[in-house]
Amino acid sequence: MIVVTNNPLLHAEPNALFVDGSFRDVLVKVRDLVYSGHELVTHPLFASLGMMFSPYRTVVLGESCGRASDFEMELVEHAIQTYDQATEGRVRLHEYDDDYAWMDRSLYYSAMEDQGLVVAGK
């Protein structure tokens, strides 16, 4: 399992691949890993449009299985396009960054519990 994140609250998470960049940079890294054969464990986008304004994103990938499915490749490409469209012209308000980091971390913990995985340090 690989945890791709730019969330500073998760930088020390086991198996974390920390991306020093934006939400979009995380999506691009996820795309690259999916294209190299890693499967998506969690969806690359949030279910809520409001969370699209978060500067942080954490996506969980499985181990490399050799070749990603066409569906997963299309899904991650569409996620990048959707993110670009939703945030075009957006002005970032840094005053909410701590709240967004906390919400992203909470969603990560929830996803891990759904997968039956234990998260250390929770």
PDB file of N, CA and C in Angstrom:
ATOM      1  N   MET A   1       0.843  -1.172   0.000  1.00  0.00           N
ATOM      2  CA  MET A   1       0.000   0.000   0.000  1.00  0.00           C
ATOM      3  C   MET A   1       0.887   1.233   0.000  1.00  0.00           C
ATOM      4  N   ILE A   2       0.473   2.248  -0.769  1.00  0.00           N
ATOM      5  CA  ILE A   2       1.165   3.534  -0.819  1.00  0.00           C
ATOM      6  C   ILE A   2       0.149   4.615  -0.476  1.00  0.00           C
ATOM      7  N   VAL A   3       0.517   5.484   0.453  1.00  0.00           N
ATOM      8  CA  VAL A   3      -0.321   6.615   0.836  1.00  0.00           C
ATOM      9  C   VAL A   3       0.289   7.856   0.198  1.00  0.00           C
ATOM     10  N   VAL A   4      -0.344   8.361  -0.854  1.00  0.00           N
ATOM     11  CA  VAL A   4       0.143   9.547  -1.555  1.00  0.00           C
ATOM     12  C   VAL A   4      -0.556  10.753  -0.951  1.00  0.00           C
ATOM     13  N   THR A   5       0.225  11.666  -0.375  1.00  0.00           N
ATOM     14  CA  THR A   5      -0.373  12.784   0.341  1.00  0.00           C
ATOM     15  C   THR A   5       0.511  14.027   0.296  1.00  0.00           C
ATOM     16  N   ASN A   6      -0.130  15.158   0.441  1.00  0.00           N
ATOM     17  CA  ASN A   6       0.593  16.410   0.665  1.00  0.00           C
ATOM     18  C   ASN A   6       0.179  17.000   2.017  1.00  0.00           C
ATOM     19  N   ASN A   7      -0.544  16.206   2.795  1.00  0.00           N
ATOM     20  CA  ASN A   7      -1.056  16.656   4.084  1.00  0.00           C
ATOM     21  C   ASN A   7       0.041  16.562   5.137  1.00  0.00           C
ATOM     22  N   PRO A   8       0.436  17.697   5.724  1.00  0.00           N
ATOM     23  CA  PRO A   8       1.504  17.652   6.720  1.00  0.00           C
ATOM     24  C   PRO A   8       1.155  16.820   7.952  1.00  0.00           C
ATOM     25  N   LEU A   9      -0.128  16.597   8.207  1.00  0.00           N
ATOM     26  CA  LEU A   9      -0.530  15.767   9.351  1.00  0.00           C
ATOM     27  C   LEU A   9      -0.275  14.284   9.092  1.00  0.00           C
ATOM     28  N   LEU A  10       0.011  13.920   7.843  1.00  0.00           N
ATOM     29  CA  LEU A  10       0.220  12.509   7.486  1.00  0.00           C
ATOM     30  C   LEU A  10       1.621  12.227   6.945  1.00  0.00           C
ATOM     31  N   HIS A  11       2.513  13.202   7.010  1.00  0.00           N
ATOM     32  CA  HIS A  11       3.832  13.015   6.403  1.00  0.00           C
ATOM     33  C   HIS A  11       4.628  11.871   7.022  1.00  0.00           C
ATOM     34  N   ALA A  12       4.353  11.544   8.271  1.00  0.00           N
ATOM     35  CA  ALA A  12       5.084  10.450   8.933  1.00  0.00           C
ATOM     36  C   ALA A  12       4.338   9.125   8.879  1.00  0.00           C
ATOM     37  N   GLU A  13       3.217   9.091   8.178  1.00  0.00           N
ATOM     38  CA  GLU A  13       2.422   7.865   8.067  1.00  0.00           C
ATOM     39  C   GLU A  13       3.252   6.768   7.390  1.00  0.00           C
ATOM     40  N   PRO A  14       3.199   5.533   7.937  1.00  0.00           N
ATOM     41  CA  PRO A  14       3.915   4.437   7.263  1.00  0.00           C
ATOM     42  C   PRO A  14       3.453   4.317   5.813  1.00  0.00           C
ATOM     43  N   ASN A  15       4.366   4.052   4.935  1.00  0.00           N
ATOM     44  CA  ASN A  15       4.105   3.904   3.502  1.00  0.00           C
ATOM     45  C   ASN A  15       3.695   5.208   2.830  1.00  0.00           C
ATOM     46  N   ALA A  16       3.925   6.345   3.497  1.00  0.00           N
ATOM     47  CA  ALA A  16       3.550   7.633   2.911  1.00  0.00           C
ATOM     48  C   ALA A  16       4.553   8.045   1.852  1.00  0.00           C
ATOM     49  N   LEU A  17       4.027   8.490   0.748  1.00  0.00           N
ATOM     50  CA  LEU A  17       4.816   9.120  -0.304  1.00  0.00           C
ATOM     51  C   LEU A  17       4.397  10.586  -0.257  1.00  0.00           C
ATOM     52  N   PHE A  18       5.206  11.405   0.396  1.00  0.00           N
ATOM     53  CA  PHE A  18       4.830  12.794   0.604  1.00  0.00           C
ATOM     54  C   PHE A  18       5.129  13.601  -0.644  1.00  0.00           C
ATOM     55  N   VAL A  19       4.113  14.315  -1.127  1.00  0.00           N
ATOM     56  CA  VAL A  19       4.234  15.181  -2.295  1.00  0.00           C
ATOM     57  C   VAL A  19       4.352  16.608  -1.791  1.00  0.00           C
ATOM     58  N   ASP A  20       5.457  17.247  -2.093  1.00  0.00           N
ATOM     59  CA  ASP A  20       5.660  18.634  -1.696  1.00  0.00           C
ATOM     60  C   ASP A  20       5.041  19.509  -2.781  1.00  0.00           C
ATOM     61  N   GLY A  21       3.732  19.690  -2.667  1.00  0.00           N
ATOM     62  CA  GLY A  21       3.021  20.444  -3.689  1.00  0.00           C
ATOM     63  C   GLY A  21       1.547  20.546  -3.366  1.00  0.00           C
ATOM     64  N   SER A  22       0.764  20.810  -4.381  1.00  0.00           N
ATOM     65  CA  SER A  22      -0.665  21.078  -4.253  1.00  0.00           C
ATOM     66  C   SER A  22      -1.508  19.805  -4.348  1.00  0.00           C
ATOM     67  N   PHE A  23      -2.799  19.988  -4.135  1.00  0.00           N
ATOM     68  CA  PHE A  23      -3.794  18.922  -4.352  1.00  0.00           C
ATOM     69  C   PHE A  23      -3.608  18.358  -5.760  1.00  0.00           C
ATOM     70  N   ARG A  24      -3.471  19.253  -6.746  1.00  0.00           N
ATOM     71  CA  ARG A  24      -3.310  18.815  -8.132  1.00  0.00           C
ATOM     72  C   ARG A  24      -2.028  17.997  -8.306  1.00  0.00           C
ATOM     73  N   ASP A  25      -0.955  18.420  -7.638  1.00  0.00           N
ATOM     74  CA  ASP A  25       0.301  17.676  -7.715  1.00  0.00           C
ATOM     75  C   ASP A  25       0.129  16.252  -7.176  1.00  0.00           C
ATOM     76  N   VAL A  26      -0.687  16.092  -6.136  1.00  0.00           N
ATOM     77  CA  VAL A  26      -0.984  14.760  -5.611  1.00  0.00           C
ATOM     78  C   VAL A  26      -1.697  13.946  -6.687  1.00  0.00           C
ATOM     79  N   LEU A  27      -2.687  14.549  -7.344  1.00  0.00           N
ATOM     80  CA  LEU A  27      -3.414  13.833  -8.397  1.00  0.00           C
ATOM     81  C   LEU A  27      -2.491  13.411  -9.537  1.00  0.00           C
ATOM     82  N   VAL A  28      -1.566  14.265  -9.911  1.00  0.00           N
ATOM     83  CA  VAL A  28      -0.622  13.929 -10.987  1.00  0.00           C
ATOM     84  C   VAL A  28       0.270  12.771 -10.555  1.00  0.00           C
ATOM     85  N   LYS A  29       0.742  12.785  -9.308  1.00  0.00           N
ATOM     86  CA  LYS A  29       1.568  11.680  -8.813  1.00  0.00           C
ATOM     87  C   LYS A  29       0.768  10.382  -8.777  1.00  0.00           C
ATOM     88  N   VAL A  30      -0.488  10.473  -8.350  1.00  0.00           N
ATOM     89  CA  VAL A  30      -1.369   9.299  -8.347  1.00  0.00           C
ATOM     90  C   VAL A  30      -1.538   8.776  -9.773  1.00  0.00           C
ATOM     91  N   ARG A  31      -1.773   9.683 -10.713  1.00  0.00           N
ATOM     92  CA  ARG A  31      -1.903   9.269 -12.118  1.00  0.00           C
ATOM     93  C   ARG A  31      -0.665   8.514 -12.577  1.00  0.00           C
ATOM     94  N   ASP A  32       0.507   9.058 -12.275  1.00  0.00           N
ATOM     95  CA  ASP A  32       1.753   8.411 -12.689  1.00  0.00           C
ATOM     96  C   ASP A  32       1.887   7.013 -12.084  1.00  0.00           C
ATOM     97  N   LEU A  33       1.518   6.880 -10.822  1.00  0.00           N
ATOM     98  CA  LEU A  33       1.597   5.569 -10.166  1.00  0.00           C
ATOM     99  C   LEU A  33       0.564   4.596 -10.714  1.00  0.00           C
ATOM    100  N   VAL A  34      -0.632   5.081 -11.020  1.00  0.00           N
ATOM    101  CA  VAL A  34      -1.653   4.222 -11.629  1.00  0.00           C
ATOM    102  C   VAL A  34      -1.168   3.756 -13.003  1.00  0.00           C
ATOM    103  N   TYR A  35      -0.590   4.660 -13.773  1.00  0.00           N
ATOM    104  CA  TYR A  35      -0.080   4.280 -15.089  1.00  0.00           C
ATOM    105  C   TYR A  35       1.067   3.274 -14.986  1.00  0.00           C
ATOM    106  N   SER A  36       1.785   3.279 -13.854  1.00  0.00           N
ATOM    107  CA  SER A  36       2.866   2.311 -13.688  1.00  0.00           C
ATOM    108  C   SER A  36       2.370   0.989 -13.096  1.00  0.00           C
ATOM    109  N   GLY A  37       1.048   0.890 -12.855  1.00  0.00           N
ATOM    110  CA  GLY A  37       0.478  -0.395 -12.468  1.00  0.00           C
ATOM    111  C   GLY A  37      -0.137  -0.473 -11.091  1.00  0.00           C
ATOM    112  N   HIS A  38      -0.098   0.589 -10.311  1.00  0.00           N
ATOM    113  CA  HIS A  38      -0.720   0.569  -8.982  1.00  0.00           C
ATOM    114  C   HIS A  38      -2.228   0.732  -9.111  1.00  0.00           C
ATOM    115  N   GLU A  39      -2.954   0.010  -8.273  1.00  0.00           N
ATOM    116  CA  GLU A  39      -4.405   0.110  -8.304  1.00  0.00           C
ATOM    117  C   GLU A  39      -4.895   1.123  -7.284  1.00  0.00           C
ATOM    118  N   LEU A  40      -5.998   1.771  -7.595  1.00  0.00           N
ATOM    119  CA  LEU A  40      -6.601   2.723  -6.673  1.00  0.00           C
ATOM    120  C   LEU A  40      -7.313   1.975  -5.554  1.00  0.00           C
ATOM    121  N   VAL A  41      -7.057   2.373  -4.321  1.00  0.00           N
ATOM    122  CA  VAL A  41      -7.793   1.852  -3.181  1.00  0.00           C
ATOM    123  C   VAL A  41      -8.859   2.861  -2.782  1.00  0.00           C
ATOM    124  N   THR A  42      -8.497   4.145  -2.816  1.00  0.00           N
ATOM    125  CA  THR A  42      -9.470   5.208  -2.554  1.00  0.00           C
ATOM    126  C   THR A  42      -9.610   6.064  -3.802  1.00  0.00           C
ATOM    127  N   HIS A  43     -10.749   6.704  -3.930  1.00  0.00           N
ATOM    128  CA  HIS A  43     -11.016   7.562  -5.085  1.00  0.00           C
ATOM    129  C   HIS A  43     -10.107   8.780  -5.033  1.00  0.00           C
ATOM    130  N   PRO A  44      -9.638   9.250  -6.188  1.00  0.00           N
ATOM    131  CA  PRO A  44      -8.739  10.409  -6.175  1.00  0.00           C
ATOM    132  C   PRO A  44      -9.406  11.734  -5.795  1.00  0.00           C
ATOM    133  N   LEU A  45     -10.723  11.807  -5.856  1.00  0.00           N
ATOM    134  CA  LEU A  45     -11.422  13.046  -5.496  1.00  0.00           C
ATOM    135  C   LEU A  45     -12.304  12.829  -4.279  1.00  0.00           C
ATOM    136  N   PHE A  46     -12.634  13.922  -3.612  1.00  0.00           N
ATOM    137  CA  PHE A  46     -13.582  13.887  -2.507  1.00  0.00           C
ATOM    138  C   PHE A  46     -14.996  13.773  -3.056  1.00  0.00           C
ATOM    139  N   ALA A  47     -15.911  13.294  -2.237  1.00  0.00           N
ATOM    140  CA  ALA A  47     -17.318  13.208  -2.636  1.00  0.00           C
ATOM    141  C   ALA A  47     -17.986  14.574  -2.603  1.00  0.00           C
ATOM    142  N   SER A  48     -17.406  15.505  -1.863  1.00  0.00           N
ATOM    143  CA  SER A  48     -17.987  16.836  -1.699  1.00  0.00           C
ATOM    144  C   SER A  48     -17.248  17.862  -2.545  1.00  0.00           C
ATOM    145  N   LEU A  49     -17.989  18.655  -3.287  1.00  0.00           N
ATOM    146  CA  LEU A  49     -17.380  19.706  -4.097  1.00  0.00           C
ATOM    147  C   LEU A  49     -16.670  20.719  -3.212  1.00  0.00           C
ATOM    148  N   GLY A  50     -17.218  21.006  -2.030  1.00  0.00           N
ATOM    149  CA  GLY A  50     -16.583  21.948  -1.121  1.00  0.00           C
ATOM    150  C   GLY A  50     -15.183  21.526  -0.715  1.00  0.00           C
ATOM    151  N   MET A  51     -14.952  20.223  -0.588  1.00  0.00           N
ATOM    152  CA  MET A  51     -13.624  19.724  -0.228  1.00  0.00           C
ATOM    153  C   MET A  51     -12.637  19.845  -1.381  1.00  0.00           C
ATOM    154  N   MET A  52     -13.136  20.107  -2.579  1.00  0.00           N
ATOM    155  CA  MET A  52     -12.258  20.303  -3.723  1.00  0.00           C
ATOM    156  C   MET A  52     -11.397  21.553  -3.525  1.00  0.00           C
ATOM    157  N   PHE A  53     -11.829  22.429  -2.624  1.00  0.00           N
ATOM    158  CA  PHE A  53     -11.070  23.650  -2.361  1.00  0.00           C
ATOM    159  C   PHE A  53      -9.981  23.440  -1.315  1.00  0.00           C
ATOM    160  N   SER A  54      -9.894  22.247  -0.794  1.00  0.00           N
ATOM    161  CA  SER A  54      -8.852  21.917   0.166  1.00  0.00           C
ATOM    162  C   SER A  54      -7.493  21.968  -0.527  1.00  0.00           C
ATOM    163  N   PRO A  55      -6.475  22.465   0.162  1.00  0.00           N
ATOM    164  CA  PRO A  55      -5.132  22.402  -0.410  1.00  0.00           C
ATOM    165  C   PRO A  55      -4.502  21.016  -0.243  1.00  0.00           C
ATOM    166  N   TYR A  56      -5.170  20.137   0.512  1.00  0.00           N
ATOM    167  CA  TYR A  56      -4.596  18.832   0.840  1.00  0.00           C
ATOM    168  C   TYR A  56      -5.421  17.685   0.265  1.00  0.00           C
ATOM    169  N   ARG A  57      -4.690  16.639  -0.131  1.00  0.00           N
ATOM    170  CA  ARG A  57      -5.364  15.434  -0.605  1.00  0.00           C
ATOM    171  C   ARG A  57      -4.502  14.237  -0.276  1.00  0.00           C
ATOM    172  N   THR A  58      -5.168  13.172   0.157  1.00  0.00           N
ATOM    173  CA  THR A  58      -4.512  11.899   0.432  1.00  0.00           C
ATOM    174  C   THR A  58      -5.247  10.819  -0.348  1.00  0.00           C
ATOM    175  N   VAL A  59      -4.488  10.042  -1.114  1.00  0.00           N
ATOM    176  CA  VAL A  59      -5.053   8.960  -1.915  1.00  0.00           C
ATOM    177  C   VAL A  59      -4.255   7.696  -1.612  1.00  0.00           C
ATOM    178  N   VAL A  60      -4.966   6.595  -1.429  1.00  0.00           N
ATOM    179  CA  VAL A  60      -4.316   5.319  -1.113  1.00  0.00           C
ATOM    180  C   VAL A  60      -4.309   4.447  -2.366  1.00  0.00           C
ATOM    181  N   LEU A  61      -3.142   3.888  -2.634  1.00  0.00           N
ATOM    182  CA  LEU A  61      -2.963   2.986  -3.768  1.00  0.00           C
ATOM    183  C   LEU A  61      -2.504   1.630  -3.264  1.00  0.00           C
ATOM    184  N   GLY A  62      -2.851   0.600  -4.011  1.00  0.00           N
ATOM    185  CA  GLY A  62      -2.369  -0.734  -3.701  1.00  0.00           C
ATOM    186  C   GLY A  62      -0.996  -0.960  -4.305  1.00  0.00           C
ATOM    187  N   GLU A  63      -0.474  -2.128  -4.066  1.00  0.00           N
ATOM    188  CA  GLU A  63       0.821  -2.480  -4.643  1.00  0.00           C
ATOM    189  C   GLU A  63       0.696  -2.578  -6.166  1.00  0.00           C
ATOM    190  N   SER A  64       1.808  -2.495  -6.832  1.00  0.00           N
ATOM    191  CA  SER A  64       1.805  -2.577  -8.290  1.00  0.00           C
ATOM    192  C   SER A  64       1.368  -3.971  -8.728  1.00  0.00           C
ATOM    193  N   CYS A  65       0.424  -3.987  -9.645  1.00  0.00           N
ATOM    194  CA  CYS A  65      -0.067  -5.264 -10.160  1.00  0.00           C
ATOM    195  C   CYS A  65       0.361  -5.458 -11.616  1.00  0.00           C
ATOM    196  N   GLY A  66       1.289  -4.646 -12.065  1.00  0.00           N
ATOM    197  CA  GLY A  66       1.813  -4.804 -13.415  1.00  0.00           C
ATOM    198  C   GLY A  66       1.238  -3.828 -14.408  1.00  0.00           C
ATOM    199  N   ARG A  67      -0.085  -3.787 -14.527  1.00  0.00           N
ATOM    200  CA  ARG A  67      -0.723  -2.881 -15.468  1.00  0.00           C
ATOM    201  C   ARG A  67      -2.058  -2.448 -14.905  1.00  0.00           C
ATOM    202  N   ALA A  68      -2.278  -1.141 -14.913  1.00  0.00           N
ATOM    203  CA  ALA A  68      -3.541  -0.605 -14.411  1.00  0.00           C
ATOM    204  C   ALA A  68      -4.651  -0.872 -15.421  1.00  0.00           C
ATOM    205  N   SER A  69      -5.857  -0.934 -14.916  1.00  0.00           N
ATOM    206  CA  SER A  69      -7.001  -1.115 -15.812  1.00  0.00           C
ATOM    207  C   SER A  69      -7.281   0.191 -16.552  1.00  0.00           C
ATOM    208  N   ASP A  70      -7.895   0.065 -17.703  1.00  0.00           N
ATOM    209  CA  ASP A  70      -8.285   1.254 -18.470  1.00  0.00           C
ATOM    210  C   ASP A  70      -9.230   2.122 -17.648  1.00  0.00           C
ATOM    211  N   PHE A  71     -10.105   1.468 -16.883  1.00  0.00           N
ATOM    212  CA  PHE A  71     -11.050   2.219 -16.051  1.00  0.00           C
ATOM    213  C   PHE A  71     -10.317   3.107 -15.056  1.00  0.00           C
ATOM    214  N   GLU A  72      -9.323   2.551 -14.363  1.00  0.00           N
ATOM    215  CA  GLU A  72      -8.585   3.340 -13.373  1.00  0.00           C
ATOM    216  C   GLU A  72      -7.793   4.470 -14.022  1.00  0.00           C
ATOM    217  N   MET A  73      -7.221   4.205 -15.184  1.00  0.00           N
ATOM    218  CA  MET A  73      -6.482   5.260 -15.881  1.00  0.00           C
ATOM    219  C   MET A  73      -7.419   6.393 -16.288  1.00  0.00           C
ATOM    220  N   GLU A  74      -8.590   6.047 -16.806  1.00  0.00           N
ATOM    221  CA  GLU A  74      -9.574   7.065 -17.180  1.00  0.00           C
ATOM    222  C   GLU A  74     -10.092   7.811 -15.952  1.00  0.00           C
ATOM    223  N   LEU A  75     -10.303   7.094 -14.857  1.00  0.00           N
ATOM    224  CA  LEU A  75     -10.805   7.696 -13.627  1.00  0.00           C
ATOM    225  C   LEU A  75      -9.851   8.762 -13.101  1.00  0.00           C
ATOM    226  N   VAL A  76      -8.579   8.459 -13.067  1.00  0.00           N
ATOM    227  CA  VAL A  76      -7.610   9.425 -12.533  1.00  0.00           C
ATOM    228  C   VAL A  76      -7.410  10.593 -13.494  1.00  0.00           C
ATOM    229  N   GLU A  77      -7.454  10.362 -14.775  1.00  0.00           N
ATOM    230  CA  GLU A  77      -7.374  11.469 -15.747  1.00  0.00           C
ATOM    231  C   GLU A  77      -8.587  12.384 -15.603  1.00  0.00           C
ATOM    232  N   HIS A  78      -9.753  11.787 -15.464  1.00  0.00           N
ATOM    233  CA  HIS A  78     -10.985  12.570 -15.284  1.00  0.00           C
ATOM    234  C   HIS A  78     -10.938  13.349 -13.973  1.00  0.00           C
ATOM    235  N   ALA A  79     -10.348  12.774 -12.935  1.00  0.00           N
ATOM    236  CA  ALA A  79     -10.220  13.463 -11.651  1.00  0.00           C
ATOM    237  C   ALA A  79      -9.396  14.739 -11.797  1.00  0.00           C
ATOM    238  N   ILE A  80      -8.312  14.680 -12.553  1.00  0.00           N
ATOM    239  CA  ILE A  80      -7.483  15.868 -12.771  1.00  0.00           C
ATOM    240  C   ILE A  80      -8.268  16.926 -13.537  1.00  0.00           C
ATOM    241  N   GLN A  81      -8.986  16.513 -14.570  1.00  0.00           N
ATOM    242  CA  GLN A  81      -9.795  17.466 -15.343  1.00  0.00           C
ATOM    243  C   GLN A  81     -10.885  18.086 -14.475  1.00  0.00           C
ATOM    244  N   THR A  82     -11.552  17.277 -13.673  1.00  0.00           N
ATOM    245  CA  THR A  82     -12.614  17.776 -12.794  1.00  0.00           C
ATOM    246  C   THR A  82     -12.049  18.763 -11.781  1.00  0.00           C
ATOM    247  N   TYR A  83     -10.913  18.433 -11.203  1.00  0.00           N
ATOM    248  CA  TYR A  83     -10.273  19.333 -10.251  1.00  0.00           C
ATOM    249  C   TYR A  83      -9.947  20.672 -10.918  1.00  0.00           C
ATOM    250  N   ASP A  84      -9.353  20.606 -12.110  1.00  0.00           N
ATOM    251  CA  ASP A  84      -8.995  21.844 -12.828  1.00  0.00           C
ATOM    252  C   ASP A  84     -10.219  22.710 -13.092  1.00  0.00           C
ATOM    253  N   GLN A  85     -11.307  22.090 -13.531  1.00  0.00           N
ATOM    254  CA  GLN A  85     -12.531  22.839 -13.822  1.00  0.00           C
ATOM    255  C   GLN A  85     -13.144  23.434 -12.554  1.00  0.00           C
ATOM    256  N   ALA A  86     -13.151  22.660 -11.477  1.00  0.00           N
ATOM    257  CA  ALA A  86     -13.791  23.110 -10.241  1.00  0.00           C
ATOM    258  C   ALA A  86     -13.019  24.228  -9.555  1.00  0.00           C
ATOM    259  N   THR A  87     -11.727  24.278  -9.766  1.00  0.00           N
ATOM    260  CA  THR A  87     -10.915  25.262  -9.046  1.00  0.00           C
ATOM    261  C   THR A  87     -10.406  26.392  -9.931  1.00  0.00           C
ATOM    262  N   GLU A  88     -10.823  26.405 -11.173  1.00  0.00           N
ATOM    263  CA  GLU A  88     -10.384  27.471 -12.087  1.00  0.00           C
ATOM    264  C   GLU A  88     -10.807  28.842 -11.544  1.00  0.00           C
ATOM    265  N   GLY A  89      -9.857  29.734 -11.429  1.00  0.00           N
ATOM    266  CA  GLY A  89     -10.147  31.082 -10.965  1.00  0.00           C
ATOM    267  C   GLY A  89     -10.379  31.205  -9.474  1.00  0.00           C
ATOM    268  N   ARG A  90     -10.193  30.152  -8.749  1.00  0.00           N
ATOM    269  CA  ARG A  90     -10.423  30.144  -7.298  1.00  0.00           C
ATOM    270  C   ARG A  90      -9.321  30.899  -6.575  1.00  0.00           C
ATOM    271  N   VAL A  91      -9.708  31.645  -5.564  1.00  0.00           N
ATOM    272  CA  VAL A  91      -8.756  32.318  -4.694  1.00  0.00           C
ATOM    273  C   VAL A  91      -8.663  31.512  -3.403  1.00  0.00           C
ATOM    274  N   ARG A  92      -7.476  31.049  -3.074  1.00  0.00           N
ATOM    275  CA  ARG A  92      -7.284  30.213  -1.891  1.00  0.00           C
ATOM    276  C   ARG A  92      -7.301  31.066  -0.623  1.00  0.00           C
ATOM    277  N   LEU A  93      -8.048  30.606   0.358  1.00  0.00           N
ATOM    278  CA  LEU A  93      -8.114  31.261   1.658  1.00  0.00           C
ATOM    279  C   LEU A  93      -7.319  30.414   2.650  1.00  0.00           C
ATOM    280  N   HIS A  94      -6.129  30.834   2.990  1.00  0.00           N
ATOM    281  CA  HIS A  94      -5.231  30.065   3.851  1.00  0.00           C
ATOM    282  C   HIS A  94      -5.750  29.903   5.270  1.00  0.00           C
ATOM    283  N   GLU A  95      -6.684  30.729   5.680  1.00  0.00           N
ATOM    284  CA  GLU A  95      -7.176  30.673   7.061  1.00  0.00           C
ATOM    285  C   GLU A  95      -7.854  29.342   7.403  1.00  0.00           C
ATOM    286  N   TYR A  96      -8.252  28.565   6.380  1.00  0.00           N
ATOM    287  CA  TYR A  96      -8.926  27.290   6.619  1.00  0.00           C
ATOM    288  C   TYR A  96      -8.018  26.078   6.429  1.00  0.00           C
ATOM    289  N   ASP A  97      -6.738  26.295   6.156  1.00  0.00           N
ATOM    290  CA  ASP A  97      -5.825  25.187   5.863  1.00  0.00           C
ATOM    291  C   ASP A  97      -5.778  24.136   6.973  1.00  0.00           C
ATOM    292  N   ASP A  98      -5.723  24.557   8.232  1.00  0.00           N
ATOM    293  CA  ASP A  98      -5.668  23.588   9.333  1.00  0.00           C
ATOM    294  C   ASP A  98      -6.919  22.713   9.372  1.00  0.00           C
ATOM    295  N   ASP A  99      -8.077  23.331   9.130  1.00  0.00           N
ATOM    296  CA  ASP A  99      -9.329  22.564   9.111  1.00  0.00           C
ATOM    297  C   ASP A  99      -9.346  21.565   7.963  1.00  0.00           C
ATOM    298  N   TYR A 100      -8.884  21.988   6.784  1.00  0.00           N
ATOM    299  CA  TYR A 100      -8.834  21.086   5.633  1.00  0.00           C
ATOM    300  C   TYR A 100      -7.869  19.928   5.896  1.00  0.00           C
ATOM    301  N   ALA A 101      -6.729  20.203   6.525  1.00  0.00           N
ATOM    302  CA  ALA A 101      -5.768  19.139   6.830  1.00  0.00           C
ATOM    303  C   ALA A 101      -6.394  18.120   7.783  1.00  0.00           C
ATOM    304  N   TRP A 102      -7.103  18.605   8.787  1.00  0.00           N
ATOM    305  CA  TRP A 102      -7.761  17.727   9.740  1.00  0.00           C
ATOM    306  C   TRP A 102      -8.830  16.869   9.057  1.00  0.00           C
ATOM    307  N   MET A 103      -9.636  17.480   8.181  1.00  0.00           N
ATOM    308  CA  MET A 103     -10.697  16.726   7.490  1.00  0.00           C
ATOM    309  C   MET A 103     -10.107  15.666   6.565  1.00  0.00           C
ATOM    310  N   ASP A 104      -9.052  16.020   5.831  1.00  0.00           N
ATOM    311  CA  ASP A 104      -8.408  15.058   4.942  1.00  0.00           C
ATOM    312  C   ASP A 104      -7.861  13.880   5.750  1.00  0.00           C
ATOM    313  N   ARG A 105      -7.220  14.165   6.886  1.00  0.00           N
ATOM    314  CA  ARG A 105      -6.694  13.101   7.744  1.00  0.00           C
ATOM    315  C   ARG A 105      -7.824  12.214   8.265  1.00  0.00           C
ATOM    316  N   SER A 106      -8.925  12.813   8.672  1.00  0.00           N
ATOM    317  CA  SER A 106     -10.070  12.045   9.171  1.00  0.00           C
ATOM    318  C   SER A 106     -10.633  11.139   8.086  1.00  0.00           C
ATOM    319  N   LEU A 107     -10.733  11.641   6.875  1.00  0.00           N
ATOM    320  CA  LEU A 107     -11.228  10.828   5.757  1.00  0.00           C
ATOM    321  C   LEU A 107     -10.263   9.688   5.445  1.00  0.00           C
ATOM    322  N   TYR A 108      -8.969   9.939   5.559  1.00  0.00           N
ATOM    323  CA  TYR A 108      -7.973   8.884   5.361  1.00  0.00           C
ATOM    324  C   TYR A 108      -8.161   7.774   6.402  1.00  0.00           C
ATOM    325  N   TYR A 109      -8.279   8.160   7.682  1.00  0.00           N
ATOM    326  CA  TYR A 109      -8.486   7.164   8.739  1.00  0.00           C
ATOM    327  C   TYR A 109      -9.754   6.353   8.491  1.00  0.00           C
ATOM    328  N   SER A 110     -10.815   7.020   8.083  1.00  0.00           N
ATOM    329  CA  SER A 110     -12.072   6.334   7.801  1.00  0.00           C
ATOM    330  C   SER A 110     -11.915   5.342   6.653  1.00  0.00           C
ATOM    331  N   ALA A 111     -11.219   5.744   5.615  1.00  0.00           N
ATOM    332  CA  ALA A 111     -10.999   4.850   4.471  1.00  0.00           C
ATOM    333  C   ALA A 111     -10.186   3.630   4.878  1.00  0.00           C
ATOM    334  N   MET A 112      -9.200   3.836   5.736  1.00  0.00           N
ATOM    335  CA  MET A 112      -8.378   2.712   6.183  1.00  0.00           C
ATOM    336  C   MET A 112      -9.212   1.741   7.029  1.00  0.00           C
ATOM    337  N   GLU A 113     -10.074   2.292   7.878  1.00  0.00           N
ATOM    338  CA  GLU A 113     -10.958   1.432   8.663  1.00  0.00           C
ATOM    339  C   GLU A 113     -11.890   0.645   7.749  1.00  0.00           C
ATOM    340  N   ASP A 114     -12.408   1.278   6.696  1.00  0.00           N
ATOM    341  CA  ASP A 114     -13.291   0.604   5.747  1.00  0.00           C
ATOM    342  C   ASP A 114     -12.564  -0.546   5.053  1.00  0.00           C
ATOM    343  N   GLN A 115     -11.246  -0.387   4.875  1.00  0.00           N
ATOM    344  CA  GLN A 115     -10.440  -1.430   4.228  1.00  0.00           C
ATOM    345  C   GLN A 115      -9.988  -2.500   5.225  1.00  0.00           C
ATOM    346  N   GLY A 116     -10.355  -2.304   6.495  1.00  0.00           N
ATOM    347  CA  GLY A 116      -9.959  -3.258   7.525  1.00  0.00           C
ATOM    348  C   GLY A 116      -8.508  -3.107   7.950  1.00  0.00           C
ATOM    349  N   LEU A 117      -7.927  -1.940   7.696  1.00  0.00           N
ATOM    350  CA  LEU A 117      -6.533  -1.688   8.032  1.00  0.00           C
ATOM    351  C   LEU A 117      -6.432  -0.829   9.282  1.00  0.00           C
ATOM    352  N   VAL A 118      -5.451  -1.108  10.080  1.00  0.00           N
ATOM    353  CA  VAL A 118      -5.222  -0.345  11.302  1.00  0.00           C
ATOM    354  C   VAL A 118      -4.278   0.787  10.972  1.00  0.00           C
ATOM    355  N   VAL A 119      -4.586   1.963  11.494  1.00  0.00           N
ATOM    356  CA  VAL A 119      -3.733   3.132  11.294  1.00  0.00           C
ATOM    357  C   VAL A 119      -2.997   3.403  12.589  1.00  0.00           C
ATOM    358  N   ALA A 120      -1.663   3.353  12.530  1.00  0.00           N
ATOM    359  CA  ALA A 120      -0.848   3.606  13.720  1.00  0.00           C
ATOM    360  C   ALA A 120      -0.926   5.087  14.096  1.00  0.00           C
ATOM    361  N   GLY A 121      -0.940   5.358  15.382  1.00  0.00           N
ATOM    362  CA  GLY A 121      -0.892   6.733  15.846  1.00  0.00           C
ATOM    363  C   GLY A 121      -2.193   7.485  15.740  1.00  0.00           C
ATOM    364  N   LYS A 122      -3.260   6.806  15.445  1.00  0.00           N
ATOM    365  CA  LYS A 122      -4.559   7.493  15.294  1.00  0.00           C
ATOM    366  C   LYS A 122      -5.075   7.921  16.627  1.00  0.00           C
TER     367      LYS A 122
END
